[in-house]
Amino acid sequence: MFSTLFTGLKIVLTPSTFLLITAGTILGVIFGAMPGVSASMAVALALPFAYAMNPVIAIAFLVAVYCASITGGGITAILFRIPGTPSSAPTTFDGYPMAQRGEAGKALGFSLVASAVGGLIAAFAMALISPQLSAVALKFGPSELFAVSFLGLSVLSCLDSGNIVKTLISGLLGLFLACVGMDPMLGIARFTWGNSTLLSGIEMIPVMIGLFAVTEVLKQTVKQKKIDGANESDNTSKMKTVLPSFAELWETKIPMLRASVLGTVVGILPGAGATIASFLSYAIEKKVSKHPEKLGTGIPDGIVVSEAANNAATGGSMVPLLSLGIPGGNAAAIMMTALVIKGVQIGPMLIKTQPEYLASVFGSMLLTNIVMVIVAMGVAKVFAKILAVPYSVLGPVIVMLAAIGAYALNNNTGDVVLMAGAGIIGYMFVKLGYNSAALVLGLVLGQMCESNFRRAYTLTNGSLVQIFTKPITAVIMTACVIMLVYPFVKPFISKKKEA
């Protein structure tokens, strides 16, 4: 552990490497704060810069971009209700209401500190128990991964406890949208109605941008008011990111630590990623919180659990990559590609034969999670100045940026149309009491659920008993059933207690 720490610090504190990691952190925060640029896209955009670097330095640089982009996504999620990255969607639940109350600076402060804590805990977990955790992850086959993704879907019952039926309907609509496109196993077109654009499926990012950004612009336009993201004064241009005091952090210590551990574990599972980690952490917090009714109204706990979990997942995703040569997510897969191009032999022997790669990633994560707090404060101040613009100007600018983000995904105008349609549907959802976040969750996890279940079904020759009686799968699925059923049973239990 200490040798890894010293080696990692020796690598990243070299002046040239330090400057590269700082540059990667700045790039990551800016990319993450831009609507439509996911963490994996941020790494892909930074990849050309890594080609000219030494492999050890290249992986440290890309890790810096990856970690910082997840943090950057929380900035626009809080200020504009536009998640910069999909994993920042739960941050909007409490971050944006705080900004609307004039506490944007405080919300950003909690977001940055939680991001740093989650990232640092994941970094130490990666350095300490990387081989052991990877061995556990290897036991997760298609049936276990299906159970994990279904556990993410069971979060639906927690997203809006006051309107469970409409929330579940929203989630089911998201699952239906996930089925549009080519069948993952048979290669047959489904629900495309002869439209060639739909053959590639419904893209998550344009839908998410439409549901959050365009819907919010429509809401604010109808209200005819200016967004108030400042502190107590109305001068938005003077808004500052306020780091929470020690006493305030102490009040959120348990949710922050719980989310960091959960995010690390979820990040280790191949294919799970930061989005599942943040949604799952938020749902668990709703179950165990002493004041669950306050979550979603704008309290620090909601911001902390989302940001700590999604940043911890970045460290977790590096565990299977470095220990087994299995990327834990899309961004890790891009990093693996960069190392393979440079001739690095990725696999179980990498940590033993070339421990400097683990040390480099460890050192980079330590440095990035400290530097990004300072960088993000500066970036947030720039974004906050936009809030001083009258909404008659700001609204169209947000829509324009959203359209650019949707188009840049595949250089396809169809994605812009999809974003606009999602925005209109999102506004209808708001008016009718349905849940946009549930639809996004169903769309994100739908494909993962289906593909893993069908692989498990094929491997067991169609035996559902074999799928659901595996120990890990059985335990996780039992937890899923409890989470889904409990909200419906809870009123009856409460009535009996009162009687």
Protein backbone atom coordinates (compact mmCIF):
# COMPACT_ATOMS: atom_id res chain seq x y z
CA MET A 1 0.00 0.00 0.00
CA PHE A 2 2.66 2.52 1.06
CA SER A 3 4.96 1.55 -1.78
CA THR A 4 2.08 2.11 -4.24
CA LEU A 5 1.39 5.50 -2.62
CA PHE A 6 5.02 6.64 -2.79
CA THR A 7 5.47 5.40 -6.35
CA GLY A 8 2.23 7.03 -7.47
CA LEU A 9 3.10 10.37 -5.88
CA LYS A 10 6.59 10.20 -7.37
CA ILE A 11 5.07 9.77 -10.84
CA VAL A 12 2.35 12.43 -10.65
CA LEU A 13 4.37 15.07 -8.79
CA THR A 14 6.95 15.25 -11.57
CA PRO A 15 6.49 18.82 -12.91
CA SER A 16 5.56 17.79 -16.46
CA THR A 17 3.15 15.08 -15.27
CA PHE A 18 1.62 17.40 -12.68
CA LEU A 19 0.89 19.97 -15.41
CA LEU A 20 -0.64 17.30 -17.66
CA ILE A 21 -2.91 16.00 -14.89
CA THR A 22 -3.95 19.55 -14.02
CA ALA A 23 -4.73 20.18 -17.70
CA GLY A 24 -6.67 16.90 -17.82
CA THR A 25 -8.64 17.95 -14.73
CA ILE A 26 -9.55 21.30 -16.31
CA LEU A 27 -10.58 19.59 -19.55
CA GLY A 28 -12.62 17.01 -17.64
CA VAL A 29 -14.54 19.55 -15.56
CA ILE A 30 -15.35 21.66 -18.65
CA PHE A 31 -16.35 18.62 -20.74
CA GLY A 32 -18.46 17.26 -17.87
CA ALA A 33 -20.28 20.56 -17.42
CA MET A 34 -21.23 20.70 -21.12
CA PRO A 35 -24.67 19.19 -21.84
CA GLY A 36 -24.48 16.04 -23.93
CA VAL A 37 -20.84 15.22 -23.22
CA SER A 38 -20.76 12.03 -21.13
CA ALA A 39 -17.71 10.93 -19.14
CA SER A 40 -16.81 8.33 -21.78
CA MET A 41 -17.12 10.97 -24.52
CA ALA A 42 -14.85 13.28 -22.50
CA VAL A 43 -12.20 10.53 -22.33
CA ALA A 44 -12.61 9.87 -26.05
CA LEU A 45 -12.13 13.58 -26.84
CA ALA A 46 -8.98 13.64 -24.69
CA LEU A 47 -7.61 10.42 -26.23
CA PRO A 48 -5.66 12.07 -29.12
CA PHE A 49 -3.61 14.05 -26.58
CA ALA A 50 -2.57 10.79 -24.88
CA TYR A 51 -1.11 9.20 -28.01
CA ALA A 52 2.12 11.20 -27.73
CA MET A 53 2.59 10.42 -24.02
CA ASN A 54 4.41 7.66 -22.20
CA PRO A 55 1.87 4.85 -21.43
CA VAL A 56 2.15 5.34 -17.65
CA ILE A 57 1.60 9.09 -17.99
CA ALA A 58 -1.16 8.57 -20.58
CA ILE A 59 -3.29 6.45 -18.23
CA ALA A 60 -2.81 9.02 -15.44
CA PHE A 61 -3.92 11.82 -17.79
CA LEU A 62 -7.01 9.94 -18.99
CA VAL A 63 -7.98 9.00 -15.42
CA ALA A 64 -7.79 12.71 -14.52
CA VAL A 65 -10.16 13.59 -17.38
CA TYR A 66 -12.52 10.76 -16.39
CA CYS A 67 -12.75 11.66 -12.69
CA ALA A 68 -13.07 15.39 -13.30
CA SER A 69 -15.79 15.01 -15.96
CA ILE A 70 -18.04 13.19 -13.48
CA THR A 71 -17.60 16.09 -11.05
CA GLY A 72 -18.19 18.69 -13.77
CA GLY A 73 -21.57 17.16 -14.56
CA GLY A 74 -22.85 18.25 -11.17
CA ILE A 75 -22.26 21.96 -11.89
CA THR A 76 -24.93 22.36 -14.57
CA ALA A 77 -27.15 19.83 -12.77
CA ILE A 78 -27.31 22.22 -9.81
CA LEU A 79 -27.36 25.56 -11.63
CA PHE A 80 -29.61 24.77 -14.61
CA ARG A 81 -31.15 21.32 -13.86
CA ILE A 82 -29.18 20.00 -16.83
CA PRO A 83 -27.09 16.93 -15.87
CA GLY A 84 -23.76 17.35 -17.64
CA THR A 85 -23.31 13.57 -17.43
CA PRO A 86 -26.04 10.91 -16.98
CA SER A 87 -24.66 9.98 -13.55
CA SER A 88 -25.41 13.54 -12.33
CA ALA A 89 -29.16 13.19 -12.92
CA PRO A 90 -29.94 12.42 -9.22
CA THR A 91 -28.00 15.56 -8.26
CA THR A 92 -30.75 17.65 -9.85
CA PHE A 93 -33.33 16.32 -7.36
CA ASP A 94 -31.92 18.36 -4.47
CA GLY A 95 -29.25 20.54 -6.08
CA TYR A 96 -31.58 22.53 -8.33
CA PRO A 97 -34.17 23.25 -5.59
CA MET A 98 -31.33 24.60 -3.43
CA ALA A 99 -30.20 26.83 -6.30
CA GLN A 100 -33.78 28.07 -6.74
CA ARG A 101 -33.82 29.03 -3.04
CA GLY A 102 -30.68 31.12 -3.54
CA GLU A 103 -28.28 28.49 -2.14
CA ALA A 104 -26.51 27.52 -5.37
CA GLY A 105 -23.07 28.26 -3.91
CA LYS A 106 -23.72 26.06 -0.89
CA ALA A 107 -25.09 23.25 -3.09
CA LEU A 108 -21.98 23.39 -5.30
CA GLY A 109 -19.77 23.29 -2.21
CA PHE A 110 -21.39 20.09 -0.94
CA SER A 111 -21.18 18.61 -4.44
CA LEU A 112 -17.44 19.26 -4.79
CA VAL A 113 -16.51 18.01 -1.32
CA ALA A 114 -18.61 14.85 -1.72
CA SER A 115 -17.04 14.24 -5.15
CA ALA A 116 -13.55 14.54 -3.69
CA VAL A 117 -14.34 12.27 -0.71
CA GLY A 118 -15.94 9.62 -2.93
CA GLY A 119 -13.04 9.69 -5.36
CA LEU A 120 -10.40 9.48 -2.62
CA ILE A 121 -12.11 6.57 -0.84
CA ALA A 122 -12.36 4.70 -4.15
CA ALA A 123 -8.69 5.40 -4.88
CA PHE A 124 -7.55 3.92 -1.57
CA ALA A 125 -9.90 0.95 -2.01
CA MET A 126 -8.44 0.37 -5.48
CA ALA A 127 -4.87 0.41 -4.16
CA LEU A 128 -5.61 -1.72 -1.09
CA ILE A 129 -7.86 -4.51 -2.30
CA SER A 130 -7.76 -4.37 -6.09
CA PRO A 131 -6.93 -8.06 -6.70
CA GLN A 132 -9.36 -9.32 -4.04
CA LEU A 133 -12.25 -7.18 -5.29
CA SER A 134 -11.60 -8.28 -8.85
CA ALA A 135 -11.82 -11.92 -7.78
CA VAL A 136 -15.27 -11.20 -6.35
CA ALA A 137 -16.32 -9.37 -9.52
CA LEU A 138 -15.38 -12.43 -11.57
CA LYS A 139 -18.16 -14.38 -9.83
CA PHE A 140 -20.72 -12.04 -11.41
CA GLY A 141 -22.01 -13.72 -14.53
CA PRO A 142 -24.97 -12.67 -16.72
CA SER A 143 -27.58 -13.69 -14.12
CA GLU A 144 -25.86 -11.72 -11.32
CA LEU A 145 -25.40 -8.66 -13.57
CA PHE A 146 -29.09 -8.88 -14.51
CA ALA A 147 -29.94 -8.87 -10.80
CA VAL A 148 -27.71 -5.81 -10.21
CA SER A 149 -29.30 -3.88 -13.09
CA PHE A 150 -32.78 -4.92 -11.90
CA LEU A 151 -31.83 -3.66 -8.43
CA GLY A 152 -31.20 -0.33 -10.12
CA LEU A 153 -34.71 -0.48 -11.61
CA SER A 154 -36.22 -1.20 -8.19
CA VAL A 155 -35.13 2.35 -7.32
CA LEU A 156 -38.30 3.43 -9.17
CA SER A 157 -40.38 2.84 -6.06
CA CYS A 158 -38.26 5.41 -4.20
CA LEU A 159 -38.06 8.24 -6.74
CA ASP A 160 -41.49 9.64 -5.89
CA SER A 161 -43.09 7.97 -2.88
CA GLY A 162 -46.12 10.23 -3.19
CA ASN A 163 -47.07 8.94 -6.64
CA ILE A 164 -45.71 5.42 -7.01
CA VAL A 165 -48.09 4.23 -9.75
CA LYS A 166 -47.25 7.07 -12.17
CA THR A 167 -43.54 6.67 -11.37
CA LEU A 168 -43.69 2.96 -12.25
CA ILE A 169 -45.58 3.77 -15.46
CA SER A 170 -42.84 6.27 -16.35
CA GLY A 171 -40.18 3.62 -15.72
CA LEU A 172 -42.05 1.08 -17.86
CA LEU A 173 -42.21 3.62 -20.69
CA GLY A 174 -38.42 3.98 -20.39
CA LEU A 175 -38.05 0.19 -20.58
CA PHE A 176 -40.19 0.16 -23.73
CA LEU A 177 -38.00 2.84 -25.34
CA ALA A 178 -34.94 0.71 -24.48
CA CYS A 179 -36.42 -2.08 -26.65
CA VAL A 180 -36.55 0.13 -29.76
CA GLY A 181 -33.89 -0.75 -32.34
CA MET A 182 -32.02 -3.94 -33.21
CA ASP A 183 -32.52 -7.02 -31.08
CA PRO A 184 -29.19 -7.49 -29.19
CA MET A 185 -29.22 -11.28 -29.64
CA LEU A 186 -31.03 -11.93 -32.92
CA GLY A 187 -30.27 -8.75 -34.88
CA ILE A 188 -33.94 -8.19 -35.81
CA ALA A 189 -35.46 -4.69 -35.96
CA ARG A 190 -37.99 -4.00 -33.20
CA PHE A 191 -40.53 -1.16 -32.90
CA THR A 192 -38.85 0.85 -35.66
CA TRP A 193 -41.97 1.07 -37.86
CA GLY A 194 -39.81 1.20 -40.97
CA ASN A 195 -37.77 4.19 -39.75
CA SER A 196 -34.06 3.62 -40.42
CA THR A 197 -33.08 6.26 -37.82
CA LEU A 198 -34.56 4.09 -35.06
CA LEU A 199 -32.48 1.04 -36.04
CA SER A 200 -29.67 2.21 -33.75
CA GLY A 201 -32.13 2.52 -30.87
CA ILE A 202 -33.20 5.48 -28.73
CA GLU A 203 -30.08 7.36 -27.65
CA MET A 204 -30.02 8.07 -23.94
CA ILE A 205 -28.22 11.44 -23.98
CA PRO A 206 -30.60 13.34 -26.34
CA VAL A 207 -33.58 12.02 -24.35
CA MET A 208 -31.97 13.04 -21.06
CA ILE A 209 -31.11 16.52 -22.38
CA GLY A 210 -34.66 16.97 -23.63
CA LEU A 211 -36.33 15.72 -20.44
CA PHE A 212 -34.21 17.89 -18.17
CA ALA A 213 -32.99 20.93 -20.13
CA VAL A 214 -35.76 21.60 -22.68
CA THR A 215 -38.49 20.77 -20.17
CA GLU A 216 -37.00 23.22 -17.66
CA VAL A 217 -36.84 25.97 -20.30
CA LEU A 218 -40.51 25.38 -21.15
CA LYS A 219 -41.44 25.51 -17.46
CA GLN A 220 -39.49 28.72 -16.83
CA THR A 221 -40.89 30.32 -19.99
CA VAL A 222 -44.43 29.64 -18.84
CA LYS A 223 -43.63 31.05 -15.40
CA GLN A 224 -42.04 34.12 -17.07
CA LYS A 225 -39.36 34.59 -14.48
CA LYS A 226 -35.62 34.71 -14.22
CA ILE A 227 -33.68 31.85 -12.65
CA ASP A 228 -32.41 32.90 -9.26
CA GLY A 229 -29.22 30.98 -8.57
CA ALA A 230 -27.53 33.52 -6.32
CA ASN A 231 -26.98 33.51 -2.62
CA GLU A 232 -29.18 35.72 -0.46
CA SER A 233 -28.60 38.74 -2.70
CA ASP A 234 -30.11 39.08 -6.17
CA ASN A 235 -26.75 39.83 -7.76
CA THR A 236 -26.13 36.52 -9.51
CA SER A 237 -22.83 37.62 -10.96
CA LYS A 238 -21.34 37.64 -7.44
CA MET A 239 -22.34 34.08 -6.61
CA LYS A 240 -19.52 32.13 -4.99
CA THR A 241 -19.08 28.44 -4.36
CA VAL A 242 -19.23 28.10 -0.57
CA LEU A 243 -17.45 25.07 0.83
CA PRO A 244 -19.43 23.62 3.75
CA SER A 245 -18.15 24.01 7.27
CA PHE A 246 -16.83 21.07 9.26
CA ALA A 247 -20.04 20.97 11.31
CA GLU A 248 -22.18 20.80 8.13
CA LEU A 249 -19.99 18.05 6.69
CA TRP A 250 -20.15 16.11 9.95
CA GLU A 251 -23.96 16.02 9.65
CA THR A 252 -23.65 14.33 6.23
CA LYS A 253 -20.74 12.02 7.11
CA ILE A 254 -22.77 8.78 7.22
CA PRO A 255 -24.59 9.29 3.87
CA MET A 256 -21.30 10.36 2.27
CA LEU A 257 -19.35 7.32 3.49
CA ARG A 258 -22.21 4.93 2.68
CA ALA A 259 -22.49 6.32 -0.87
CA SER A 260 -18.71 6.18 -1.38
CA VAL A 261 -18.52 2.50 -0.40
CA LEU A 262 -21.57 1.62 -2.49
CA GLY A 263 -20.23 3.55 -5.49
CA THR A 264 -16.89 1.74 -5.29
CA VAL A 265 -18.56 -1.68 -5.18
CA VAL A 266 -20.95 -0.89 -8.04
CA GLY A 267 -18.10 0.58 -10.11
CA ILE A 268 -16.16 -2.68 -9.82
CA LEU A 269 -18.97 -4.65 -11.48
CA PRO A 270 -18.31 -4.68 -15.26
CA GLY A 271 -20.91 -2.65 -17.11
CA ALA A 272 -22.64 -1.23 -14.01
CA GLY A 273 -21.04 2.23 -13.94
CA ALA A 274 -21.53 5.57 -12.24
CA THR A 275 -25.16 6.08 -13.34
CA ILE A 276 -26.42 2.98 -11.53
CA ALA A 277 -24.24 3.88 -8.53
CA SER A 278 -25.75 7.37 -8.15
CA PHE A 279 -29.39 6.29 -8.64
CA LEU A 280 -28.98 3.29 -6.34
CA SER A 281 -27.27 5.36 -3.66
CA TYR A 282 -30.06 7.94 -3.77
CA ALA A 283 -32.71 5.22 -3.46
CA ILE A 284 -30.97 3.59 -0.49
CA GLU A 285 -30.69 6.98 1.19
CA LYS A 286 -34.46 7.42 0.82
CA LYS A 287 -34.93 4.09 2.58
CA VAL A 288 -32.53 4.62 5.49
CA SER A 289 -32.66 8.40 5.97
CA LYS A 290 -34.09 9.80 9.21
CA HIS A 291 -36.02 12.35 7.15
CA PRO A 292 -36.81 10.73 3.77
CA GLU A 293 -39.65 13.17 3.12
CA LYS A 294 -37.11 16.01 2.79
CA LEU A 295 -35.13 14.30 0.01
CA GLY A 296 -36.06 15.92 -3.28
CA THR A 297 -36.93 19.25 -1.65
CA GLY A 298 -33.35 20.58 -1.66
CA ILE A 299 -31.20 19.23 1.17
CA PRO A 300 -27.43 18.52 1.18
CA ASP A 301 -27.89 14.77 1.82
CA GLY A 302 -29.38 14.26 -1.66
CA ILE A 303 -26.47 16.03 -3.35
CA VAL A 304 -23.86 14.26 -1.23
CA VAL A 305 -25.06 10.70 -1.87
CA SER A 306 -25.31 11.21 -5.64
CA GLU A 307 -21.95 12.92 -6.13
CA ALA A 308 -20.00 10.70 -3.71
CA ALA A 309 -21.37 7.54 -5.36
CA ASN A 310 -20.75 8.49 -8.99
CA ASN A 311 -17.21 9.66 -8.26
CA ALA A 312 -16.43 6.53 -6.23
CA ALA A 313 -17.61 4.44 -9.19
CA THR A 314 -14.77 5.90 -11.30
CA GLY A 315 -12.19 4.35 -8.98
CA GLY A 316 -14.14 1.11 -8.81
CA SER A 317 -14.24 0.79 -12.61
CA MET A 318 -10.42 0.85 -12.73
CA VAL A 319 -10.14 -2.23 -10.49
CA PRO A 320 -11.17 -4.88 -13.04
CA LEU A 321 -9.28 -3.01 -15.80
CA LEU A 322 -5.94 -3.10 -14.00
CA SER A 323 -6.36 -6.45 -12.25
CA LEU A 324 -8.04 -8.55 -14.95
CA GLY A 325 -7.95 -6.57 -18.16
CA ILE A 326 -11.77 -6.24 -18.07
CA PRO A 327 -13.03 -2.65 -18.48
CA GLY A 328 -15.59 -1.70 -15.84
CA GLY A 329 -17.36 0.75 -18.16
CA ASN A 330 -17.17 2.64 -21.45
CA ALA A 331 -14.56 5.12 -20.26
CA ALA A 332 -12.37 2.30 -18.91
CA ALA A 333 -12.73 0.53 -22.27
CA ILE A 334 -11.42 3.63 -24.07
CA MET A 335 -8.45 3.77 -21.68
CA MET A 336 -7.75 0.09 -22.32
CA THR A 337 -7.75 0.78 -26.06
CA ALA A 338 -5.16 3.53 -25.58
CA LEU A 339 -2.89 1.20 -23.58
CA VAL A 340 -3.25 -1.66 -26.05
CA ILE A 341 -2.31 0.66 -28.93
CA LYS A 342 0.84 1.52 -27.01
CA GLY A 343 1.70 -2.17 -26.65
CA VAL A 344 0.81 -2.63 -22.98
CA GLN A 345 -0.26 -6.20 -22.13
CA ILE A 346 -3.49 -5.75 -20.18
CA GLY A 347 -4.37 -8.68 -17.93
CA PRO A 348 -3.97 -10.32 -14.51
CA MET A 349 -0.17 -10.10 -14.66
CA LEU A 350 -0.07 -6.33 -15.19
CA ILE A 351 -0.09 -5.42 -11.47
CA LYS A 352 2.66 -7.97 -10.72
CA THR A 353 4.95 -7.27 -13.67
CA GLN A 354 4.28 -3.53 -14.07
CA PRO A 355 2.98 -2.14 -10.76
CA GLU A 356 3.74 1.40 -11.90
CA TYR A 357 0.42 1.44 -13.81
CA LEU A 358 -1.60 0.87 -10.62
CA ALA A 359 0.59 3.43 -8.84
CA SER A 360 0.09 5.93 -11.65
CA VAL A 361 -3.70 5.58 -11.57
CA PHE A 362 -3.71 5.77 -7.76
CA GLY A 363 -1.55 8.89 -7.73
CA SER A 364 -3.56 10.51 -10.50
CA MET A 365 -6.85 9.94 -8.65
CA LEU A 366 -5.42 11.39 -5.43
CA LEU A 367 -4.14 14.50 -7.19
CA THR A 368 -7.19 14.96 -9.43
CA ASN A 369 -9.71 14.76 -6.59
CA ILE A 370 -7.87 17.56 -4.81
CA VAL A 371 -7.13 19.78 -7.82
CA MET A 372 -10.63 19.42 -9.28
CA VAL A 373 -12.21 21.12 -6.24
CA ILE A 374 -10.24 24.29 -7.02
CA VAL A 375 -10.80 24.00 -10.78
CA ALA A 376 -14.53 23.30 -10.45
CA MET A 377 -14.97 26.34 -8.19
CA GLY A 378 -13.57 28.53 -10.97
CA VAL A 379 -15.63 26.86 -13.68
CA ALA A 380 -18.78 27.10 -11.53
CA LYS A 381 -18.21 30.83 -11.07
CA VAL A 382 -18.08 31.28 -14.85
CA PHE A 383 -21.28 29.24 -15.34
CA ALA A 384 -22.98 31.10 -12.49
CA LYS A 385 -22.49 34.44 -14.27
CA ILE A 386 -24.77 33.10 -16.98
CA LEU A 387 -27.57 33.11 -14.40
CA ALA A 388 -27.52 36.92 -14.37
CA VAL A 389 -28.76 36.93 -17.98
CA PRO A 390 -32.53 37.55 -18.37
CA TYR A 391 -34.34 34.31 -19.02
CA SER A 392 -35.73 35.61 -22.32
CA VAL A 393 -32.13 35.40 -23.55
CA LEU A 394 -30.86 32.55 -21.37
CA GLY A 395 -33.66 30.13 -22.31
CA PRO A 396 -32.91 30.11 -26.06
CA VAL A 397 -29.16 29.87 -25.33
CA ILE A 398 -29.75 26.76 -23.18
CA VAL A 399 -31.88 25.20 -25.92
CA MET A 400 -29.16 26.00 -28.48
CA LEU A 401 -26.45 24.38 -26.32
CA ALA A 402 -28.71 21.40 -25.72
CA ALA A 403 -29.27 21.01 -29.48
CA ILE A 404 -25.51 21.20 -30.10
CA GLY A 405 -24.90 18.55 -27.43
CA ALA A 406 -27.54 16.24 -28.92
CA TYR A 407 -26.25 16.70 -32.48
CA ALA A 408 -22.59 16.23 -31.52
CA LEU A 409 -23.29 12.72 -30.20
CA ASN A 410 -23.61 11.13 -33.68
CA ASN A 411 -23.66 14.19 -35.99
CA ASN A 412 -27.28 13.27 -36.63
CA THR A 413 -30.21 15.72 -36.86
CA GLY A 414 -32.49 12.87 -35.79
CA ASP A 415 -31.03 13.16 -32.28
CA VAL A 416 -32.00 16.86 -32.19
CA VAL A 417 -35.58 15.93 -33.14
CA LEU A 418 -35.50 13.23 -30.45
CA MET A 419 -34.30 15.81 -27.90
CA ALA A 420 -37.12 18.21 -28.85
CA GLY A 421 -39.72 15.43 -28.62
CA ALA A 422 -38.35 14.37 -25.23
CA GLY A 423 -38.60 17.98 -24.02
CA ILE A 424 -42.28 18.20 -24.97
CA ILE A 425 -42.98 14.81 -23.36
CA GLY A 426 -41.09 15.93 -20.25
CA TYR A 427 -43.25 19.05 -19.97
CA MET A 428 -46.39 16.90 -20.30
CA PHE A 429 -44.95 14.62 -17.58
CA VAL A 430 -44.59 17.61 -15.25
CA LYS A 431 -48.16 18.75 -15.88
CA LEU A 432 -49.64 15.25 -15.50
CA GLY A 433 -47.56 14.24 -12.46
CA TYR A 434 -45.38 11.60 -14.12
CA ASN A 435 -41.64 11.20 -13.42
CA SER A 436 -38.99 12.08 -16.02
CA ALA A 437 -36.15 10.62 -13.94
CA ALA A 438 -37.94 7.25 -13.85
CA LEU A 439 -38.17 7.25 -17.66
CA VAL A 440 -34.43 7.98 -17.94
CA LEU A 441 -33.63 5.21 -15.47
CA GLY A 442 -35.72 2.70 -17.42
CA LEU A 443 -34.02 3.72 -20.66
CA VAL A 444 -30.51 3.52 -19.14
CA LEU A 445 -30.95 0.11 -17.50
CA GLY A 446 -33.38 -1.48 -19.95
CA GLN A 447 -30.82 -2.73 -22.46
CA MET A 448 -28.49 -3.96 -19.71
CA CYS A 449 -31.32 -5.89 -18.02
CA GLU A 450 -32.48 -7.46 -21.27
CA SER A 451 -29.09 -8.46 -22.66
CA ASN A 452 -27.86 -9.98 -19.38
CA PHE A 453 -31.13 -11.85 -18.77
CA ARG A 454 -31.15 -13.31 -22.25
CA ARG A 455 -27.51 -14.40 -21.97
CA ALA A 456 -28.29 -16.07 -18.66
CA TYR A 457 -31.39 -17.69 -20.18
CA THR A 458 -29.30 -19.06 -23.07
CA LEU A 459 -26.49 -20.35 -20.82
CA THR A 460 -28.96 -22.21 -18.57
CA ASN A 461 -30.84 -23.70 -21.58
CA GLY A 462 -33.98 -21.81 -20.70
CA SER A 463 -34.10 -22.74 -17.00
CA LEU A 464 -35.48 -19.85 -14.95
CA VAL A 465 -34.93 -21.90 -11.79
CA GLN A 466 -31.17 -22.05 -12.43
CA ILE A 467 -31.04 -18.32 -13.09
CA PHE A 468 -32.80 -17.21 -9.91
CA THR A 469 -31.49 -19.84 -7.50
CA LYS A 470 -27.84 -18.81 -7.80
CA PRO A 471 -26.87 -17.49 -4.34
CA ILE A 472 -25.84 -13.95 -5.33
CA THR A 473 -28.74 -13.56 -7.77
CA ALA A 474 -31.26 -14.87 -5.23
CA VAL A 475 -30.11 -12.43 -2.52
CA ILE A 476 -30.15 -9.41 -4.84
CA MET A 477 -33.52 -10.30 -6.37
CA THR A 478 -35.01 -10.74 -2.88
CA ALA A 479 -33.83 -7.22 -2.05
CA CYS A 480 -35.40 -5.98 -5.31
CA VAL A 481 -38.78 -7.52 -4.49
CA ILE A 482 -38.72 -6.01 -0.99
CA MET A 483 -37.89 -2.55 -2.38
CA LEU A 484 -40.68 -2.74 -4.97
CA VAL A 485 -43.36 -4.15 -2.67
CA TYR A 486 -42.60 -2.17 0.52
CA PRO A 487 -44.10 1.19 -0.65
CA PHE A 488 -47.43 -0.57 -1.34
CA VAL A 489 -47.40 -2.48 1.96
CA LYS A 490 -46.19 0.43 4.11
CA PRO A 491 -49.61 2.20 4.39
CA PHE A 492 -51.24 -1.00 5.71
CA ILE A 493 -48.44 -1.48 8.26
CA SER A 494 -48.81 2.15 9.38
CA LYS A 495 -52.58 1.76 9.78
CA LYS A 496 -52.13 -1.37 11.92
CA LYS A 497 -49.59 0.44 14.12
CA GLU A 498 -51.96 3.38 14.56
CA ALA A 499 -54.84 1.02 15.39
